[in-house]
Amino acid sequence: MRLLLRTANSARSLLAAPQFHPDFVGLLPDAADLLVRHGVALIGIDYLSIEPYEQSIGSAPVHRRLLAAGIAIVEGIDLRQVAAGWYELIVLPLRLPGAEASPVRALLRPLI
């Protein structure tokens, strides 16, 4: 299962207004543990980080828990025009040898 989270962050998208908001919505460690238990393969969110700003500066527990479980993280997805529903998700990363992350082109195709 892949899960994309369209949150209140979408209204403050950096694509719409390039101002950073440190109070953006993110996941807490308990939510990461729940995703791990439910076998989520990928989690995406509509801002720069999957976890709150204060946590991502320090030990980044949400990133560590998700990545240790093999869950891919896609951050900064523009979901402003996406309605809730079921989609086919295609994520096309750049090939960057030796890198731990990459910009991607993420495509959603509605399931009929």
PDB file of N, CA and C in Angstrom:
ATOM      1  N   MET A   1       0.846  -1.179   0.000  1.00  0.00           N
ATOM      2  CA  MET A   1       0.000   0.000   0.000  1.00  0.00           C
ATOM      3  C   MET A   1       0.889   1.239   0.000  1.00  0.00           C
ATOM      4  N   ARG A   2       0.455   2.220  -0.761  1.00  0.00           N
ATOM      5  CA  ARG A   2       1.113   3.521  -0.803  1.00  0.00           C
ATOM      6  C   ARG A   2       0.102   4.558  -0.331  1.00  0.00           C
ATOM      7  N   LEU A   3       0.566   5.504   0.470  1.00  0.00           N
ATOM      8  CA  LEU A   3      -0.332   6.475   1.078  1.00  0.00           C
ATOM      9  C   LEU A   3       0.201   7.883   0.841  1.00  0.00           C
ATOM     10  N   LEU A   4      -0.631   8.725   0.243  1.00  0.00           N
ATOM     11  CA  LEU A   4      -0.291  10.137   0.056  1.00  0.00           C
ATOM     12  C   LEU A   4      -1.146  10.961   0.993  1.00  0.00           C
ATOM     13  N   LEU A   5      -0.525  11.864   1.729  1.00  0.00           N
ATOM     14  CA  LEU A   5      -1.229  12.689   2.698  1.00  0.00           C
ATOM     15  C   LEU A   5      -1.373  14.113   2.182  1.00  0.00           C
ATOM     16  N   ARG A   6      -2.610  14.479   1.882  1.00  0.00           N
ATOM     17  CA  ARG A   6      -2.919  15.864   1.540  1.00  0.00           C
ATOM     18  C   ARG A   6      -3.400  16.518   2.833  1.00  0.00           C
ATOM     19  N   THR A   7      -2.608  17.416   3.360  1.00  0.00           N
ATOM     20  CA  THR A   7      -2.878  18.031   4.653  1.00  0.00           C
ATOM     21  C   THR A   7      -3.140  19.520   4.485  1.00  0.00           C
ATOM     22  N   ALA A   8      -3.241  20.216   5.597  1.00  0.00           N
ATOM     23  CA  ALA A   8      -3.359  21.676   5.575  1.00  0.00           C
ATOM     24  C   ALA A   8      -2.127  22.316   4.939  1.00  0.00           C
ATOM     25  N   ASN A   9      -1.053  21.545   4.818  1.00  0.00           N
ATOM     26  CA  ASN A   9       0.153  22.061   4.159  1.00  0.00           C
ATOM     27  C   ASN A   9      -0.115  22.480   2.718  1.00  0.00           C
ATOM     28  N   SER A  10      -1.029  21.811   2.053  1.00  0.00           N
ATOM     29  CA  SER A  10      -1.297  22.111   0.645  1.00  0.00           C
ATOM     30  C   SER A  10      -1.711  23.560   0.436  1.00  0.00           C
ATOM     31  N   ALA A  11      -2.412  24.131   1.400  1.00  0.00           N
ATOM     32  CA  ALA A  11      -2.827  25.533   1.282  1.00  0.00           C
ATOM     33  C   ALA A  11      -1.646  26.484   1.393  1.00  0.00           C
ATOM     34  N   ARG A  12      -0.515  25.989   1.921  1.00  0.00           N
ATOM     35  CA  ARG A  12       0.680  26.822   2.075  1.00  0.00           C
ATOM     36  C   ARG A  12       1.823  26.298   1.221  1.00  0.00           C
ATOM     37  N   SER A  13       1.482  25.741   0.095  1.00  0.00           N
ATOM     38  CA  SER A  13       2.475  25.153  -0.796  1.00  0.00           C
ATOM     39  C   SER A  13       3.557  26.161  -1.169  1.00  0.00           C
ATOM     40  N   LEU A  14       4.794  25.682  -1.163  1.00  0.00           N
ATOM     41  CA  LEU A  14       5.903  26.543  -1.583  1.00  0.00           C
ATOM     42  C   LEU A  14       5.803  26.883  -3.066  1.00  0.00           C
ATOM     43  N   LEU A  15       5.042  26.101  -3.810  1.00  0.00           N
ATOM     44  CA  LEU A  15       4.849  26.407  -5.228  1.00  0.00           C
ATOM     45  C   LEU A  15       3.910  27.599  -5.404  1.00  0.00           C
ATOM     46  N   ALA A  16       3.003  27.782  -4.459  1.00  0.00           N
ATOM     47  CA  ALA A  16       2.055  28.899  -4.533  1.00  0.00           C
ATOM     48  C   ALA A  16       2.646  30.172  -3.939  1.00  0.00           C
ATOM     49  N   ALA A  17       3.347  30.046  -2.834  1.00  0.00           N
ATOM     50  CA  ALA A  17       3.949  31.200  -2.153  1.00  0.00           C
ATOM     51  C   ALA A  17       5.255  30.738  -1.510  1.00  0.00           C
ATOM     52  N   PRO A  18       6.382  31.204  -2.014  1.00  0.00           N
ATOM     53  CA  PRO A  18       7.678  30.693  -1.545  1.00  0.00           C
ATOM     54  C   PRO A  18       8.104  31.213  -0.164  1.00  0.00           C
ATOM     55  N   GLN A  19       7.276  30.953   0.836  1.00  0.00           N
ATOM     56  CA  GLN A  19       7.611  31.321   2.208  1.00  0.00           C
ATOM     57  C   GLN A  19       7.587  30.056   3.055  1.00  0.00           C
ATOM     58  N   PHE A  20       8.674  29.793   3.768  1.00  0.00           N
ATOM     59  CA  PHE A  20       8.773  28.604   4.605  1.00  0.00           C
ATOM     60  C   PHE A  20       7.927  28.782   5.864  1.00  0.00           C
ATOM     61  N   HIS A  21       7.174  27.731   6.213  1.00  0.00           N
ATOM     62  CA  HIS A  21       6.340  27.724   7.410  1.00  0.00           C
ATOM     63  C   HIS A  21       6.846  26.617   8.343  1.00  0.00           C
ATOM     64  N   PRO A  22       7.585  26.962   9.412  1.00  0.00           N
ATOM     65  CA  PRO A  22       8.128  25.921  10.283  1.00  0.00           C
ATOM     66  C   PRO A  22       7.067  25.153  11.076  1.00  0.00           C
ATOM     67  N   ASP A  23       5.836  25.624  11.093  1.00  0.00           N
ATOM     68  CA  ASP A  23       4.768  24.925  11.814  1.00  0.00           C
ATOM     69  C   ASP A  23       3.959  23.992  10.905  1.00  0.00           C
ATOM     70  N   PHE A  24       4.590  23.480   9.850  1.00  0.00           N
ATOM     71  CA  PHE A  24       3.886  22.599   8.920  1.00  0.00           C
ATOM     72  C   PHE A  24       3.466  21.296   9.594  1.00  0.00           C
ATOM     73  N   VAL A  25       2.490  20.630   8.980  1.00  0.00           N
ATOM     74  CA  VAL A  25       1.957  19.358   9.479  1.00  0.00           C
ATOM     75  C   VAL A  25       2.913  18.227   9.108  1.00  0.00           C
ATOM     76  N   GLY A  26       3.195  17.374  10.066  1.00  0.00           N
ATOM     77  CA  GLY A  26       4.038  16.211   9.823  1.00  0.00           C
ATOM     78  C   GLY A  26       3.589  15.049  10.693  1.00  0.00           C
ATOM     79  N   LEU A  27       4.239  13.910  10.531  1.00  0.00           N
ATOM     80  CA  LEU A  27       3.903  12.722  11.312  1.00  0.00           C
ATOM     81  C   LEU A  27       4.723  12.665  12.593  1.00  0.00           C
ATOM     82  N   LEU A  28       4.115  12.130  13.629  1.00  0.00           N
ATOM     83  CA  LEU A  28       4.816  11.866  14.880  1.00  0.00           C
ATOM     84  C   LEU A  28       5.296  10.416  14.869  1.00  0.00           C
ATOM     85  N   PRO A  29       6.246  10.068  15.734  1.00  0.00           N
ATOM     86  CA  PRO A  29       6.777   8.698  15.737  1.00  0.00           C
ATOM     87  C   PRO A  29       5.717   7.613  15.889  1.00  0.00           C
ATOM     88  N   ASP A  30       4.681   7.834  16.690  1.00  0.00           N
ATOM     89  CA  ASP A  30       3.620   6.825  16.835  1.00  0.00           C
ATOM     90  C   ASP A  30       2.907   6.566  15.508  1.00  0.00           C
ATOM     91  N   ALA A  31       2.717   7.607  14.707  1.00  0.00           N
ATOM     92  CA  ALA A  31       2.088   7.440  13.393  1.00  0.00           C
ATOM     93  C   ALA A  31       3.001   6.644  12.466  1.00  0.00           C
ATOM     94  N   ALA A  32       4.297   6.892  12.547  1.00  0.00           N
ATOM     95  CA  ALA A  32       5.255   6.123  11.744  1.00  0.00           C
ATOM     96  C   ALA A  32       5.190   4.643  12.126  1.00  0.00           C
ATOM     97  N   ASP A  33       5.119   4.370  13.420  1.00  0.00           N
ATOM     98  CA  ASP A  33       5.017   2.975  13.878  1.00  0.00           C
ATOM     99  C   ASP A  33       3.748   2.311  13.353  1.00  0.00           C
ATOM    100  N   LEU A  34       2.646   3.059  13.318  1.00  0.00           N
ATOM    101  CA  LEU A  34       1.384   2.526  12.793  1.00  0.00           C
ATOM    102  C   LEU A  34       1.520   2.171  11.312  1.00  0.00           C
ATOM    103  N   LEU A  35       2.169   3.036  10.536  1.00  0.00           N
ATOM    104  CA  LEU A  35       2.380   2.755   9.115  1.00  0.00           C
ATOM    105  C   LEU A  35       3.235   1.506   8.919  1.00  0.00           C
ATOM    106  N   VAL A  36       4.260   1.358   9.759  1.00  0.00           N
ATOM    107  CA  VAL A  36       5.111   0.173   9.686  1.00  0.00           C
ATOM    108  C   VAL A  36       4.283  -1.082   9.966  1.00  0.00           C
ATOM    109  N   ARG A  37       3.479  -1.045  11.026  1.00  0.00           N
ATOM    110  CA  ARG A  37       2.659  -2.213  11.389  1.00  0.00           C
ATOM    111  C   ARG A  37       1.663  -2.584  10.298  1.00  0.00           C
ATOM    112  N   HIS A  38       1.178  -1.599   9.558  1.00  0.00           N
ATOM    113  CA  HIS A  38       0.181  -1.866   8.518  1.00  0.00           C
ATOM    114  C   HIS A  38       0.792  -2.164   7.152  1.00  0.00           C
ATOM    115  N   GLY A  39       2.096  -2.260   7.091  1.00  0.00           N
ATOM    116  CA  GLY A  39       2.754  -2.680   5.859  1.00  0.00           C
ATOM    117  C   GLY A  39       2.751  -1.660   4.737  1.00  0.00           C
ATOM    118  N   VAL A  40       2.698  -0.382   5.064  1.00  0.00           N
ATOM    119  CA  VAL A  40       2.762   0.657   4.034  1.00  0.00           C
ATOM    120  C   VAL A  40       4.134   0.593   3.361  1.00  0.00           C
ATOM    121  N   ALA A  41       4.160   0.662   2.045  1.00  0.00           N
ATOM    122  CA  ALA A  41       5.413   0.593   1.291  1.00  0.00           C
ATOM    123  C   ALA A  41       5.979   1.969   0.974  1.00  0.00           C
ATOM    124  N   LEU A  42       5.089   2.971   0.896  1.00  0.00           N
ATOM    125  CA  LEU A  42       5.506   4.330   0.539  1.00  0.00           C
ATOM    126  C   LEU A  42       4.571   5.312   1.220  1.00  0.00           C
ATOM    127  N   ILE A  43       5.125   6.395   1.737  1.00  0.00           N
ATOM    128  CA  ILE A  43       4.330   7.471   2.318  1.00  0.00           C
ATOM    129  C   ILE A  43       4.774   8.777   1.666  1.00  0.00           C
ATOM    130  N   GLY A  44       3.805   9.562   1.232  1.00  0.00           N
ATOM    131  CA  GLY A  44       4.100  10.853   0.633  1.00  0.00           C
ATOM    132  C   GLY A  44       3.355  11.945   1.369  1.00  0.00           C
ATOM    133  N   ILE A  45       3.936  13.137   1.404  1.00  0.00           N
ATOM    134  CA  ILE A  45       3.308  14.260   2.093  1.00  0.00           C
ATOM    135  C   ILE A  45       3.519  15.537   1.290  1.00  0.00           C
ATOM    136  N   ASP A  46       2.657  16.498   1.536  1.00  0.00           N
ATOM    137  CA  ASP A  46       2.608  17.731   0.745  1.00  0.00           C
ATOM    138  C   ASP A  46       3.422  18.889   1.329  1.00  0.00           C
ATOM    139  N   TYR A  47       4.554  18.592   1.927  1.00  0.00           N
ATOM    140  CA  TYR A  47       5.470  19.652   2.357  1.00  0.00           C
ATOM    141  C   TYR A  47       6.887  19.102   2.363  1.00  0.00           C
ATOM    142  N   LEU A  48       7.814  19.881   2.851  1.00  0.00           N
ATOM    143  CA  LEU A  48       9.231  19.562   2.714  1.00  0.00           C
ATOM    144  C   LEU A  48       9.718  18.387   3.546  1.00  0.00           C
ATOM    145  N   SER A  49       8.992  18.022   4.578  1.00  0.00           N
ATOM    146  CA  SER A  49       9.432  16.923   5.428  1.00  0.00           C
ATOM    147  C   SER A  49       8.232  16.114   5.905  1.00  0.00           C
ATOM    148  N   ILE A  50       8.460  14.841   6.142  1.00  0.00           N
ATOM    149  CA  ILE A  50       7.424  13.954   6.638  1.00  0.00           C
ATOM    150  C   ILE A  50       7.179  14.162   8.131  1.00  0.00           C
ATOM    151  N   GLU A  51       8.134  14.781   8.817  1.00  0.00           N
ATOM    152  CA  GLU A  51       7.968  14.981  10.253  1.00  0.00           C
ATOM    153  C   GLU A  51       8.080  16.449  10.622  1.00  0.00           C
ATOM    154  N   PRO A  52       7.503  16.820  11.758  1.00  0.00           N
ATOM    155  CA  PRO A  52       7.529  18.225  12.167  1.00  0.00           C
ATOM    156  C   PRO A  52       8.938  18.794  12.203  1.00  0.00           C
ATOM    157  N   TYR A  53       9.026  20.073  11.954  1.00  0.00           N
ATOM    158  CA  TYR A  53      10.297  20.782  11.846  1.00  0.00           C
ATOM    159  C   TYR A  53      11.203  20.538  13.045  1.00  0.00           C
ATOM    160  N   GLU A  54      10.667  20.625  14.244  1.00  0.00           N
ATOM    161  CA  GLU A  54      11.484  20.472  15.449  1.00  0.00           C
ATOM    162  C   GLU A  54      12.142  19.101  15.507  1.00  0.00           C
ATOM    163  N   GLN A  55      11.435  18.066  15.071  1.00  0.00           N
ATOM    164  CA  GLN A  55      11.981  16.709  15.105  1.00  0.00           C
ATOM    165  C   GLN A  55      12.987  16.476  13.986  1.00  0.00           C
ATOM    166  N   SER A  56      12.750  17.075  12.819  1.00  0.00           N
ATOM    167  CA  SER A  56      13.640  16.816  11.688  1.00  0.00           C
ATOM    168  C   SER A  56      15.006  17.456  11.889  1.00  0.00           C
ATOM    169  N   ILE A  57      15.096  18.472  12.740  1.00  0.00           N
ATOM    170  CA  ILE A  57      16.387  19.102  13.034  1.00  0.00           C
ATOM    171  C   ILE A  57      17.240  18.182  13.895  1.00  0.00           C
ATOM    172  N   GLY A  58      16.621  17.504  14.830  1.00  0.00           N
ATOM    173  CA  GLY A  58      17.350  16.657  15.773  1.00  0.00           C
ATOM    174  C   GLY A  58      17.620  15.276  15.233  1.00  0.00           C
ATOM    175  N   SER A  59      17.045  14.292  15.875  1.00  0.00           N
ATOM    176  CA  SER A  59      17.342  12.902  15.558  1.00  0.00           C
ATOM    177  C   SER A  59      16.484  12.333  14.438  1.00  0.00           C
ATOM    178  N   ALA A  60      15.486  13.069  13.984  1.00  0.00           N
ATOM    179  CA  ALA A  60      14.609  12.636  12.886  1.00  0.00           C
ATOM    180  C   ALA A  60      14.026  11.238  13.119  1.00  0.00           C
ATOM    181  N   PRO A  61      13.315  11.025  14.244  1.00  0.00           N
ATOM    182  CA  PRO A  61      12.822   9.682  14.545  1.00  0.00           C
ATOM    183  C   PRO A  61      11.844   9.124  13.521  1.00  0.00           C
ATOM    184  N   VAL A  62      11.028   9.967  12.911  1.00  0.00           N
ATOM    185  CA  VAL A  62      10.063   9.471  11.921  1.00  0.00           C
ATOM    186  C   VAL A  62      10.802   8.957  10.682  1.00  0.00           C
ATOM    187  N   HIS A  63      11.731   9.747  10.180  1.00  0.00           N
ATOM    188  CA  HIS A  63      12.529   9.289   9.032  1.00  0.00           C
ATOM    189  C   HIS A  63      13.228   7.971   9.354  1.00  0.00           C
ATOM    190  N   ARG A  64      13.863   7.907  10.495  1.00  0.00           N
ATOM    191  CA  ARG A  64      14.615   6.701  10.863  1.00  0.00           C
ATOM    192  C   ARG A  64      13.716   5.472  10.953  1.00  0.00           C
ATOM    193  N   ARG A  65      12.547   5.604  11.561  1.00  0.00           N
ATOM    194  CA  ARG A  65      11.634   4.458  11.703  1.00  0.00           C
ATOM    195  C   ARG A  65      11.109   3.996  10.352  1.00  0.00           C
ATOM    196  N   LEU A  66      10.697   4.942   9.518  1.00  0.00           N
ATOM    197  CA  LEU A  66      10.162   4.576   8.206  1.00  0.00           C
ATOM    198  C   LEU A  66      11.240   3.945   7.327  1.00  0.00           C
ATOM    199  N   LEU A  67      12.395   4.574   7.265  1.00  0.00           N
ATOM    200  CA  LEU A  67      13.459   4.057   6.404  1.00  0.00           C
ATOM    201  C   LEU A  67      13.998   2.718   6.896  1.00  0.00           C
ATOM    202  N   ALA A  68      14.088   2.540   8.215  1.00  0.00           N
ATOM    203  CA  ALA A  68      14.545   1.256   8.764  1.00  0.00           C
ATOM    204  C   ALA A  68      13.589   0.128   8.390  1.00  0.00           C
ATOM    205  N   ALA A  69      12.308   0.448   8.217  1.00  0.00           N
ATOM    206  CA  ALA A  69      11.304  -0.551   7.838  1.00  0.00           C
ATOM    207  C   ALA A  69      11.197  -0.707   6.320  1.00  0.00           C
ATOM    208  N   GLY A  70      12.020   0.026   5.575  1.00  0.00           N
ATOM    209  CA  GLY A  70      11.990  -0.081   4.113  1.00  0.00           C
ATOM    210  C   GLY A  70      10.880   0.725   3.457  1.00  0.00           C
ATOM    211  N   ILE A  71      10.299   1.657   4.179  1.00  0.00           N
ATOM    212  CA  ILE A  71       9.226   2.486   3.627  1.00  0.00           C
ATOM    213  C   ILE A  71       9.832   3.686   2.910  1.00  0.00           C
ATOM    214  N   ALA A  72       9.493   3.829   1.646  1.00  0.00           N
ATOM    215  CA  ALA A  72       9.970   4.973   0.861  1.00  0.00           C
ATOM    216  C   ALA A  72       9.210   6.228   1.286  1.00  0.00           C
ATOM    217  N   ILE A  73       9.916   7.347   1.293  1.00  0.00           N
ATOM    218  CA  ILE A  73       9.327   8.631   1.678  1.00  0.00           C
ATOM    219  C   ILE A  73       9.403   9.571   0.484  1.00  0.00           C
ATOM    220  N   VAL A  74       8.266  10.170   0.137  1.00  0.00           N
ATOM    221  CA  VAL A  74       8.222  11.169  -0.930  1.00  0.00           C
ATOM    222  C   VAL A  74       7.709  12.462  -0.306  1.00  0.00           C
ATOM    223  N   GLU A  75       8.548  13.480  -0.312  1.00  0.00           N
ATOM    224  CA  GLU A  75       8.211  14.744   0.341  1.00  0.00           C
ATOM    225  C   GLU A  75       8.067  15.851  -0.694  1.00  0.00           C
ATOM    226  N   GLY A  76       7.250  16.829  -0.367  1.00  0.00           N
ATOM    227  CA  GLY A  76       7.086  17.985  -1.240  1.00  0.00           C
ATOM    228  C   GLY A  76       6.180  17.743  -2.434  1.00  0.00           C
ATOM    229  N   ILE A  77       5.245  16.829  -2.322  1.00  0.00           N
ATOM    230  CA  ILE A  77       4.331  16.534  -3.431  1.00  0.00           C
ATOM    231  C   ILE A  77       3.256  17.626  -3.510  1.00  0.00           C
ATOM    232  N   ASP A  78       3.002  18.107  -4.706  1.00  0.00           N
ATOM    233  CA  ASP A  78       1.955  19.107  -4.915  1.00  0.00           C
ATOM    234  C   ASP A  78       0.617  18.395  -5.069  1.00  0.00           C
ATOM    235  N   LEU A  79      -0.176  18.410  -4.008  1.00  0.00           N
ATOM    236  CA  LEU A  79      -1.477  17.732  -4.015  1.00  0.00           C
ATOM    237  C   LEU A  79      -2.639  18.714  -4.000  1.00  0.00           C
ATOM    238  N   ARG A  80      -2.375  19.981  -4.286  1.00  0.00           N
ATOM    239  CA  ARG A  80      -3.415  21.009  -4.213  1.00  0.00           C
ATOM    240  C   ARG A  80      -4.608  20.708  -5.095  1.00  0.00           C
ATOM    241  N   GLN A  81      -4.418  20.113  -6.245  1.00  0.00           N
ATOM    242  CA  GLN A  81      -5.505  19.857  -7.197  1.00  0.00           C
ATOM    243  C   GLN A  81      -5.973  18.401  -7.185  1.00  0.00           C
ATOM    244  N   VAL A  82      -5.535  17.622  -6.206  1.00  0.00           N
ATOM    245  CA  VAL A  82      -5.854  16.192  -6.176  1.00  0.00           C
ATOM    246  C   VAL A  82      -6.990  15.919  -5.199  1.00  0.00           C
ATOM    247  N   ALA A  83      -8.037  15.309  -5.705  1.00  0.00           N
ATOM    248  CA  ALA A  83      -9.169  14.916  -4.861  1.00  0.00           C
ATOM    249  C   ALA A  83      -8.851  13.591  -4.171  1.00  0.00           C
ATOM    250  N   ALA A  84      -9.489  13.362  -3.031  1.00  0.00           N
ATOM    251  CA  ALA A  84      -9.329  12.089  -2.341  1.00  0.00           C
ATOM    252  C   ALA A  84      -9.788  10.963  -3.252  1.00  0.00           C
ATOM    253  N   GLY A  85      -9.129   9.844  -3.173  1.00  0.00           N
ATOM    254  CA  GLY A  85      -9.524   8.706  -3.985  1.00  0.00           C
ATOM    255  C   GLY A  85      -8.394   7.738  -4.203  1.00  0.00           C
ATOM    256  N   TRP A  86      -8.625   6.819  -5.126  1.00  0.00           N
ATOM    257  CA  TRP A  86      -7.660   5.769  -5.454  1.00  0.00           C
ATOM    258  C   TRP A  86      -6.970   6.133  -6.761  1.00  0.00           C
ATOM    259  N   TYR A  87      -5.653   6.023  -6.786  1.00  0.00           N
ATOM    260  CA  TYR A  87      -4.850   6.399  -7.935  1.00  0.00           C
ATOM    261  C   TYR A  87      -3.751   5.377  -8.164  1.00  0.00           C
ATOM    262  N   GLU A  88      -3.255   5.351  -9.379  1.00  0.00           N
ATOM    263  CA  GLU A  88      -1.995   4.676  -9.651  1.00  0.00           C
ATOM    264  C   GLU A  88      -0.919   5.734  -9.460  1.00  0.00           C
ATOM    265  N   LEU A  89       0.087   5.425  -8.665  1.00  0.00           N
ATOM    266  CA  LEU A  89       1.187   6.349  -8.393  1.00  0.00           C
ATOM    267  C   LEU A  89       2.425   5.868  -9.120  1.00  0.00           C
ATOM    268  N   ILE A  90       3.018   6.757  -9.882  1.00  0.00           N
ATOM    269  CA  ILE A  90       4.259   6.460 -10.582  1.00  0.00           C
ATOM    270  C   ILE A  90       5.285   7.482 -10.102  1.00  0.00           C
ATOM    271  N   VAL A  91       6.391   7.001  -9.541  1.00  0.00           N
ATOM    272  CA  VAL A  91       7.433   7.883  -9.018  1.00  0.00           C
ATOM    273  C   VAL A  91       8.708   7.608  -9.799  1.00  0.00           C
ATOM    274  N   LEU A  92       9.192   8.629 -10.499  1.00  0.00           N
ATOM    275  CA  LEU A  92      10.359   8.489 -11.362  1.00  0.00           C
ATOM    276  C   LEU A  92      11.527   9.300 -10.793  1.00  0.00           C
ATOM    277  N   PRO A  93      12.455   8.650 -10.078  1.00  0.00           N
ATOM    278  CA  PRO A  93      13.588   9.379  -9.499  1.00  0.00           C
ATOM    279  C   PRO A  93      14.703   9.601 -10.524  1.00  0.00           C
ATOM    280  N   LEU A  94      15.519  10.599 -10.251  1.00  0.00           N
ATOM    281  CA  LEU A  94      16.741  10.777 -11.028  1.00  0.00           C
ATOM    282  C   LEU A  94      17.741   9.728 -10.574  1.00  0.00           C
ATOM    283  N   ARG A  95      18.546   9.256 -11.477  1.00  0.00           N
ATOM    284  CA  ARG A  95      19.576   8.288 -11.095  1.00  0.00           C
ATOM    285  C   ARG A  95      20.810   9.065 -10.659  1.00  0.00           C
ATOM    286  N   LEU A  96      21.087   9.011  -9.371  1.00  0.00           N
ATOM    287  CA  LEU A  96      22.221   9.717  -8.784  1.00  0.00           C
ATOM    288  C   LEU A  96      23.069   8.705  -8.012  1.00  0.00           C
ATOM    289  N   PRO A  97      24.065   8.106  -8.656  1.00  0.00           N
ATOM    290  CA  PRO A  97      24.875   7.084  -7.987  1.00  0.00           C
ATOM    291  C   PRO A  97      25.464   7.602  -6.675  1.00  0.00           C
ATOM    292  N   GLY A  98      25.327   6.788  -5.626  1.00  0.00           N
ATOM    293  CA  GLY A  98      25.879   7.132  -4.331  1.00  0.00           C
ATOM    294  C   GLY A  98      25.018   8.054  -3.486  1.00  0.00           C
ATOM    295  N   ALA A  99      23.922   8.548  -4.046  1.00  0.00           N
ATOM    296  CA  ALA A  99      23.048   9.465  -3.299  1.00  0.00           C
ATOM    297  C   ALA A  99      22.042   8.683  -2.467  1.00  0.00           C
ATOM    298  N   GLU A 100      21.622   9.274  -1.349  1.00  0.00           N
ATOM    299  CA  GLU A 100      20.621   8.638  -0.505  1.00  0.00           C
ATOM    300  C   GLU A 100      19.215   9.117  -0.819  1.00  0.00           C
ATOM    301  N   ALA A 101      19.099  10.150  -1.660  1.00  0.00           N
ATOM    302  CA  ALA A 101      17.791  10.701  -2.031  1.00  0.00           C
ATOM    303  C   ALA A 101      17.899  11.310  -3.424  1.00  0.00           C
ATOM    304  N   SER A 102      16.740  11.633  -3.987  1.00  0.00           N
ATOM    305  CA  SER A 102      16.718  12.179  -5.335  1.00  0.00           C
ATOM    306  C   SER A 102      15.436  12.964  -5.571  1.00  0.00           C
ATOM    307  N   PRO A 103      15.509  14.021  -6.367  1.00  0.00           N
ATOM    308  CA  PRO A 103      14.261  14.624  -6.842  1.00  0.00           C
ATOM    309  C   PRO A 103      13.522  13.595  -7.704  1.00  0.00           C
ATOM    310  N   VAL A 104      12.201  13.669  -7.714  1.00  0.00           N
ATOM    311  CA  VAL A 104      11.409  12.734  -8.506  1.00  0.00           C
ATOM    312  C   VAL A 104      10.350  13.486  -9.305  1.00  0.00           C
ATOM    313  N   ARG A 105       9.859  12.831 -10.325  1.00  0.00           N
ATOM    314  CA  ARG A 105       8.645  13.252 -11.016  1.00  0.00           C
ATOM    315  C   ARG A 105       7.585  12.268 -10.553  1.00  0.00           C
ATOM    316  N   ALA A 106       6.604  12.768  -9.820  1.00  0.00           N
ATOM    317  CA  ALA A 106       5.538  11.903  -9.310  1.00  0.00           C
ATOM    318  C   ALA A 106       4.276  12.129 -10.155  1.00  0.00           C
ATOM    319  N   LEU A 107       3.712  11.041 -10.632  1.00  0.00           N
ATOM    320  CA  LEU A 107       2.522  11.104 -11.481  1.00  0.00           C
ATOM    321  C   LEU A 107       1.391  10.302 -10.825  1.00  0.00           C
ATOM    322  N   LEU A 108       0.202  10.866 -10.877  1.00  0.00           N
ATOM    323  CA  LEU A 108      -0.983  10.166 -10.394  1.00  0.00           C
ATOM    324  C   LEU A 108      -1.935   9.964 -11.556  1.00  0.00           C
ATOM    325  N   ARG A 109      -2.439   8.747 -11.667  1.00  0.00           N
ATOM    326  CA  ARG A 109      -3.422   8.428 -12.687  1.00  0.00           C
ATOM    327  C   ARG A 109      -4.633   7.843 -11.980  1.00  0.00           C
ATOM    328  N   PRO A 110      -5.808   8.487 -12.127  1.00  0.00           N
ATOM    329  CA  PRO A 110      -7.012   7.969 -11.452  1.00  0.00           C
ATOM    330  C   PRO A 110      -7.315   6.548 -11.885  1.00  0.00           C
ATOM    331  N   LEU A 111      -7.705   5.734 -10.935  1.00  0.00           N
ATOM    332  CA  LEU A 111      -8.152   4.376 -11.250  1.00  0.00           C
ATOM    333  C   LEU A 111      -9.629   4.429 -11.603  1.00  0.00           C
ATOM    334  N   ILE A 112      -9.987   3.758 -12.661  1.00  0.00           N
ATOM    335  CA  ILE A 112     -11.375   3.780 -13.131  1.00  0.00           C
ATOM    336  C   ILE A 112     -12.124   2.611 -12.572  1.00  0.00           C
TER     337      ILE A 112
END
